[in-house]
Amino acid sequence: MKNIMQARCEKFVTEYLPAVRAVLAKLLAEKHALTQNEIAEKMHISQPAVSHYLRRARGKMAEELIKNEEVYRKLSDFSSKLSRENLSEDSIAELFCEICKILFGEEKCSD
């Protein structure tokens, strides 16, 4: 079972995490009018990474996530919270786990 979980985590990190970041960056820029530097600070990533996400040079699967109503709602709600607060990297990582669970239907990822 652990190997299945590791495989799902790897798939999420390589395929979906860049898309999650791209959608989140787009929401923060368009919905909350944050600058790339502000987005970078809030997301704990670099400004050049934000630029790549906004230009869709990274996060090719963003459209797939936008079409998933549950995922998009979760990202939209989180972007609102993130725009108002400075959240820790751990809080952001928890969001990533929640999105992973929505996508893969897992209740928990590890023992």
N, C-alpha and C. Protein backbone atom coordinates (compact mmCIF):
# COMPACT_ATOMS: atom_id res chain seq x y z
N MET A 1 0.82 -1.19 0.00
CA MET A 1 0.00 0.00 0.00
C MET A 1 0.86 1.26 0.00
N LYS A 2 1.98 1.22 0.73
CA LYS A 2 2.84 2.39 0.81
C LYS A 2 3.40 2.76 -0.56
N ASN A 3 3.75 1.76 -1.39
CA ASN A 3 4.27 2.04 -2.72
C ASN A 3 3.23 2.72 -3.59
N ILE A 4 1.96 2.36 -3.44
CA ILE A 4 0.89 3.01 -4.19
C ILE A 4 0.79 4.47 -3.77
N MET A 5 0.88 4.73 -2.47
CA MET A 5 0.81 6.10 -1.98
C MET A 5 1.99 6.91 -2.49
N GLN A 6 3.17 6.32 -2.46
CA GLN A 6 4.35 7.03 -2.95
C GLN A 6 4.19 7.35 -4.43
N ALA A 7 3.66 6.42 -5.19
CA ALA A 7 3.45 6.63 -6.62
C ALA A 7 2.45 7.76 -6.85
N ARG A 8 1.40 7.81 -6.05
CA ARG A 8 0.41 8.89 -6.19
C ARG A 8 1.02 10.23 -5.82
N CYS A 9 1.79 10.25 -4.76
CA CYS A 9 2.46 11.50 -4.36
C CYS A 9 3.41 11.97 -5.46
N GLU A 10 4.16 11.04 -6.03
CA GLU A 10 5.08 11.40 -7.10
C GLU A 10 4.32 11.93 -8.31
N LYS A 11 3.23 11.29 -8.67
CA LYS A 11 2.42 11.75 -9.81
C LYS A 11 1.86 13.13 -9.51
N PHE A 12 1.38 13.34 -8.29
CA PHE A 12 0.84 14.65 -7.94
C PHE A 12 1.92 15.72 -8.06
N VAL A 13 3.08 15.45 -7.49
CA VAL A 13 4.16 16.44 -7.49
C VAL A 13 4.62 16.75 -8.91
N THR A 14 4.77 15.75 -9.74
CA THR A 14 5.30 16.00 -11.08
C THR A 14 4.25 16.52 -12.06
N GLU A 15 3.01 16.05 -11.95
CA GLU A 15 1.99 16.43 -12.92
C GLU A 15 1.05 17.53 -12.45
N TYR A 16 0.64 17.46 -11.20
CA TYR A 16 -0.41 18.37 -10.73
C TYR A 16 0.09 19.56 -9.92
N LEU A 17 1.14 19.42 -9.17
CA LEU A 17 1.60 20.52 -8.33
C LEU A 17 1.90 21.78 -9.13
N PRO A 18 2.60 21.69 -10.27
CA PRO A 18 2.81 22.91 -11.04
C PRO A 18 1.49 23.54 -11.51
N ALA A 19 0.52 22.72 -11.83
CA ALA A 19 -0.79 23.23 -12.26
C ALA A 19 -1.53 23.89 -11.10
N VAL A 20 -1.44 23.29 -9.91
CA VAL A 20 -2.05 23.88 -8.72
C VAL A 20 -1.43 25.25 -8.46
N ARG A 21 -0.13 25.33 -8.53
CA ARG A 21 0.56 26.60 -8.31
C ARG A 21 0.17 27.62 -9.39
N ALA A 22 0.04 27.16 -10.63
CA ALA A 22 -0.33 28.07 -11.72
C ALA A 22 -1.72 28.66 -11.50
N VAL A 23 -2.67 27.81 -11.13
CA VAL A 23 -4.04 28.30 -10.89
C VAL A 23 -4.05 29.24 -9.69
N LEU A 24 -3.36 28.87 -8.64
CA LEU A 24 -3.31 29.70 -7.44
C LEU A 24 -2.66 31.06 -7.76
N ALA A 25 -1.57 31.07 -8.52
CA ALA A 25 -0.92 32.33 -8.90
C ALA A 25 -1.86 33.18 -9.74
N LYS A 26 -2.56 32.56 -10.67
CA LYS A 26 -3.51 33.29 -11.52
C LYS A 26 -4.63 33.91 -10.69
N LEU A 27 -5.17 33.16 -9.76
CA LEU A 27 -6.22 33.69 -8.90
C LEU A 27 -5.72 34.86 -8.06
N LEU A 28 -4.52 34.71 -7.50
CA LEU A 28 -3.97 35.79 -6.68
C LEU A 28 -3.71 37.05 -7.51
N ALA A 29 -3.30 36.87 -8.75
CA ALA A 29 -3.03 38.02 -9.62
C ALA A 29 -4.32 38.67 -10.11
N GLU A 30 -5.25 37.86 -10.60
CA GLU A 30 -6.44 38.40 -11.24
C GLU A 30 -7.57 38.73 -10.26
N LYS A 31 -7.81 37.86 -9.34
CA LYS A 31 -8.92 38.05 -8.40
C LYS A 31 -8.56 38.97 -7.24
N HIS A 32 -7.29 38.92 -6.82
CA HIS A 32 -6.87 39.66 -5.64
C HIS A 32 -5.87 40.77 -5.94
N ALA A 33 -5.54 40.96 -7.22
CA ALA A 33 -4.69 42.05 -7.70
C ALA A 33 -3.33 42.12 -6.98
N LEU A 34 -2.75 40.97 -6.71
CA LEU A 34 -1.41 40.95 -6.11
C LEU A 34 -0.36 41.01 -7.22
N THR A 35 0.77 41.60 -6.91
CA THR A 35 1.89 41.63 -7.84
C THR A 35 2.60 40.29 -7.83
N GLN A 36 3.46 40.08 -8.81
CA GLN A 36 4.23 38.84 -8.85
C GLN A 36 5.10 38.69 -7.62
N ASN A 37 5.68 39.78 -7.15
CA ASN A 37 6.50 39.70 -5.94
C ASN A 37 5.66 39.34 -4.72
N GLU A 38 4.46 39.91 -4.61
CA GLU A 38 3.58 39.58 -3.49
C GLU A 38 3.14 38.12 -3.56
N ILE A 39 2.83 37.66 -4.76
CA ILE A 39 2.43 36.26 -4.94
C ILE A 39 3.58 35.34 -4.54
N ALA A 40 4.77 35.66 -4.98
CA ALA A 40 5.95 34.85 -4.65
C ALA A 40 6.13 34.76 -3.14
N GLU A 41 6.01 35.88 -2.48
CA GLU A 41 6.17 35.90 -1.03
C GLU A 41 5.08 35.07 -0.35
N LYS A 42 3.86 35.23 -0.78
CA LYS A 42 2.74 34.50 -0.17
C LYS A 42 2.86 32.99 -0.40
N MET A 43 3.31 32.59 -1.59
CA MET A 43 3.38 31.18 -1.95
C MET A 43 4.71 30.53 -1.58
N HIS A 44 5.66 31.33 -1.08
CA HIS A 44 7.00 30.83 -0.71
C HIS A 44 7.73 30.24 -1.92
N ILE A 45 7.62 30.95 -3.04
CA ILE A 45 8.34 30.57 -4.25
C ILE A 45 9.01 31.82 -4.81
N SER A 46 9.80 31.68 -5.85
CA SER A 46 10.49 32.84 -6.42
C SER A 46 9.58 33.61 -7.37
N GLN A 47 9.91 34.88 -7.58
CA GLN A 47 9.16 35.70 -8.54
C GLN A 47 9.28 35.15 -9.96
N PRO A 48 10.48 34.69 -10.39
CA PRO A 48 10.54 34.09 -11.72
C PRO A 48 9.63 32.86 -11.87
N ALA A 49 9.48 32.08 -10.80
CA ALA A 49 8.56 30.94 -10.85
C ALA A 49 7.14 31.42 -11.05
N VAL A 50 6.76 32.48 -10.34
CA VAL A 50 5.41 33.05 -10.51
C VAL A 50 5.21 33.47 -11.96
N SER A 51 6.20 34.13 -12.53
CA SER A 51 6.11 34.55 -13.93
C SER A 51 5.88 33.36 -14.85
N HIS A 52 6.60 32.28 -14.62
CA HIS A 52 6.42 31.06 -15.43
C HIS A 52 5.00 30.51 -15.27
N TYR A 53 4.50 30.49 -14.04
CA TYR A 53 3.15 29.98 -13.81
C TYR A 53 2.11 30.85 -14.50
N LEU A 54 2.28 32.16 -14.42
CA LEU A 54 1.30 33.06 -15.03
C LEU A 54 1.33 33.01 -16.56
N ARG A 55 2.49 32.73 -17.13
CA ARG A 55 2.61 32.62 -18.58
C ARG A 55 2.31 31.20 -19.07
N ARG A 56 2.00 30.31 -18.14
CA ARG A 56 1.73 28.91 -18.44
C ARG A 56 2.92 28.17 -19.02
N ALA A 57 4.12 28.67 -18.72
CA ALA A 57 5.34 27.95 -19.08
C ALA A 57 5.50 26.74 -18.16
N ARG A 58 4.87 26.81 -17.00
CA ARG A 58 4.78 25.70 -16.06
C ARG A 58 3.30 25.52 -15.74
N GLY A 59 2.93 24.30 -15.38
CA GLY A 59 1.54 24.05 -14.98
C GLY A 59 0.62 23.80 -16.15
N LYS A 60 1.07 22.99 -17.07
CA LYS A 60 0.30 22.71 -18.28
C LYS A 60 -1.08 22.12 -18.01
N MET A 61 -1.27 21.48 -16.86
CA MET A 61 -2.55 20.84 -16.57
C MET A 61 -3.51 21.77 -15.82
N ALA A 62 -3.21 23.06 -15.82
CA ALA A 62 -4.05 24.02 -15.09
C ALA A 62 -5.49 24.00 -15.57
N GLU A 63 -5.69 23.91 -16.87
CA GLU A 63 -7.07 23.90 -17.40
C GLU A 63 -7.87 22.72 -16.88
N GLU A 64 -7.21 21.59 -16.74
CA GLU A 64 -7.88 20.40 -16.18
C GLU A 64 -8.35 20.68 -14.75
N LEU A 65 -7.52 21.35 -13.97
CA LEU A 65 -7.89 21.67 -12.59
C LEU A 65 -9.01 22.70 -12.53
N ILE A 66 -8.97 23.66 -13.44
CA ILE A 66 -10.02 24.69 -13.47
C ILE A 66 -11.37 24.06 -13.80
N LYS A 67 -11.37 23.04 -14.63
CA LYS A 67 -12.62 22.36 -15.00
C LYS A 67 -13.17 21.48 -13.88
N ASN A 68 -12.33 21.11 -12.93
CA ASN A 68 -12.77 20.31 -11.79
C ASN A 68 -13.34 21.27 -10.75
N GLU A 69 -14.67 21.31 -10.64
CA GLU A 69 -15.34 22.30 -9.79
C GLU A 69 -14.88 22.24 -8.34
N GLU A 70 -14.72 21.04 -7.80
CA GLU A 70 -14.32 20.91 -6.40
C GLU A 70 -12.90 21.45 -6.18
N VAL A 71 -12.00 21.11 -7.08
CA VAL A 71 -10.62 21.58 -6.97
C VAL A 71 -10.59 23.10 -7.13
N TYR A 72 -11.28 23.61 -8.14
CA TYR A 72 -11.26 25.04 -8.40
C TYR A 72 -11.86 25.83 -7.23
N ARG A 73 -12.92 25.32 -6.66
CA ARG A 73 -13.53 25.98 -5.50
C ARG A 73 -12.54 26.02 -4.33
N LYS A 74 -11.87 24.90 -4.09
CA LYS A 74 -10.88 24.82 -3.01
C LYS A 74 -9.75 25.82 -3.26
N LEU A 75 -9.25 25.90 -4.49
CA LEU A 75 -8.17 26.83 -4.81
C LEU A 75 -8.64 28.28 -4.71
N SER A 76 -9.85 28.55 -5.14
CA SER A 76 -10.40 29.91 -5.05
C SER A 76 -10.54 30.35 -3.60
N ASP A 77 -11.10 29.47 -2.78
CA ASP A 77 -11.23 29.79 -1.35
C ASP A 77 -9.87 30.00 -0.71
N PHE A 78 -8.92 29.13 -1.05
CA PHE A 78 -7.59 29.24 -0.47
C PHE A 78 -6.89 30.51 -0.93
N SER A 79 -7.10 30.90 -2.19
CA SER A 79 -6.47 32.13 -2.68
C SER A 79 -6.97 33.34 -1.91
N SER A 80 -8.24 33.33 -1.54
CA SER A 80 -8.79 34.43 -0.74
C SER A 80 -8.11 34.50 0.62
N LYS A 81 -7.97 33.35 1.25
CA LYS A 81 -7.30 33.29 2.56
C LYS A 81 -5.84 33.71 2.43
N LEU A 82 -5.18 33.21 1.41
CA LEU A 82 -3.77 33.51 1.21
C LEU A 82 -3.55 34.99 0.90
N SER A 83 -4.49 35.61 0.22
CA SER A 83 -4.34 37.03 -0.11
C SER A 83 -4.43 37.91 1.14
N ARG A 84 -5.15 37.45 2.14
CA ARG A 84 -5.34 38.22 3.38
C ARG A 84 -4.30 37.93 4.44
N GLU A 85 -3.74 36.72 4.41
CA GLU A 85 -2.86 36.27 5.48
C GLU A 85 -1.52 35.80 4.92
N ASN A 86 -0.52 35.82 5.77
CA ASN A 86 0.76 35.21 5.44
C ASN A 86 0.76 33.82 6.05
N LEU A 87 0.56 32.83 5.21
CA LEU A 87 0.47 31.45 5.68
C LEU A 87 1.83 30.77 5.59
N SER A 88 2.03 29.82 6.47
CA SER A 88 3.28 29.07 6.49
C SER A 88 3.36 28.11 5.30
N GLU A 89 4.57 27.67 5.02
CA GLU A 89 4.76 26.67 3.97
C GLU A 89 3.99 25.40 4.31
N ASP A 90 3.90 25.05 5.60
CA ASP A 90 3.15 23.87 6.02
C ASP A 90 1.67 24.01 5.71
N SER A 91 1.11 25.20 5.90
CA SER A 91 -0.30 25.43 5.59
C SER A 91 -0.56 25.27 4.10
N ILE A 92 0.37 25.75 3.30
CA ILE A 92 0.24 25.61 1.85
C ILE A 92 0.37 24.15 1.45
N ALA A 93 1.30 23.44 2.09
CA ALA A 93 1.47 22.01 1.81
C ALA A 93 0.21 21.22 2.17
N GLU A 94 -0.49 21.64 3.21
CA GLU A 94 -1.76 20.98 3.58
C GLU A 94 -2.78 21.15 2.46
N LEU A 95 -2.82 22.32 1.83
CA LEU A 95 -3.71 22.52 0.69
C LEU A 95 -3.35 21.54 -0.42
N PHE A 96 -2.06 21.40 -0.70
CA PHE A 96 -1.64 20.48 -1.75
C PHE A 96 -2.13 19.06 -1.45
N CYS A 97 -2.05 18.65 -0.20
CA CYS A 97 -2.53 17.32 0.19
C CYS A 97 -4.05 17.21 -0.01
N GLU A 98 -4.77 18.27 0.33
CA GLU A 98 -6.23 18.25 0.14
C GLU A 98 -6.57 18.12 -1.35
N ILE A 99 -5.87 18.84 -2.20
CA ILE A 99 -6.11 18.76 -3.63
C ILE A 99 -5.77 17.36 -4.14
N CYS A 100 -4.67 16.80 -3.67
CA CYS A 100 -4.28 15.45 -4.05
C CYS A 100 -5.37 14.45 -3.68
N LYS A 101 -5.92 14.59 -2.48
CA LYS A 101 -6.97 13.68 -2.03
C LYS A 101 -8.23 13.81 -2.89
N ILE A 102 -8.54 15.02 -3.32
CA ILE A 102 -9.69 15.22 -4.21
C ILE A 102 -9.43 14.51 -5.55
N LEU A 103 -8.24 14.69 -6.08
CA LEU A 103 -7.91 14.12 -7.38
C LEU A 103 -7.82 12.61 -7.37
N PHE A 104 -7.25 12.05 -6.29
CA PHE A 104 -7.01 10.61 -6.24
C PHE A 104 -7.98 9.86 -5.34
N GLY A 105 -8.86 10.57 -4.65
CA GLY A 105 -9.88 9.91 -3.85
C GLY A 105 -9.37 9.19 -2.62
N GLU A 106 -8.26 9.64 -2.07
CA GLU A 106 -7.69 9.00 -0.89
C GLU A 106 -8.10 9.72 0.37
N GLU A 107 -8.43 8.99 1.38
CA GLU A 107 -8.76 9.58 2.67
C GLU A 107 -7.50 10.03 3.41
N LYS A 108 -6.45 9.23 3.35
CA LYS A 108 -5.20 9.62 3.97
C LYS A 108 -4.05 9.05 3.15
N CYS A 109 -2.93 9.74 3.22
CA CYS A 109 -1.79 9.37 2.37
C CYS A 109 -0.76 8.50 3.06
N SER A 110 -0.73 8.50 4.38
CA SER A 110 0.28 7.70 5.07
C SER A 110 -0.24 7.24 6.41
N ASP A 111 0.47 6.28 6.98
CA ASP A 111 0.08 5.77 8.30
C ASP A 111 0.61 6.61 9.40
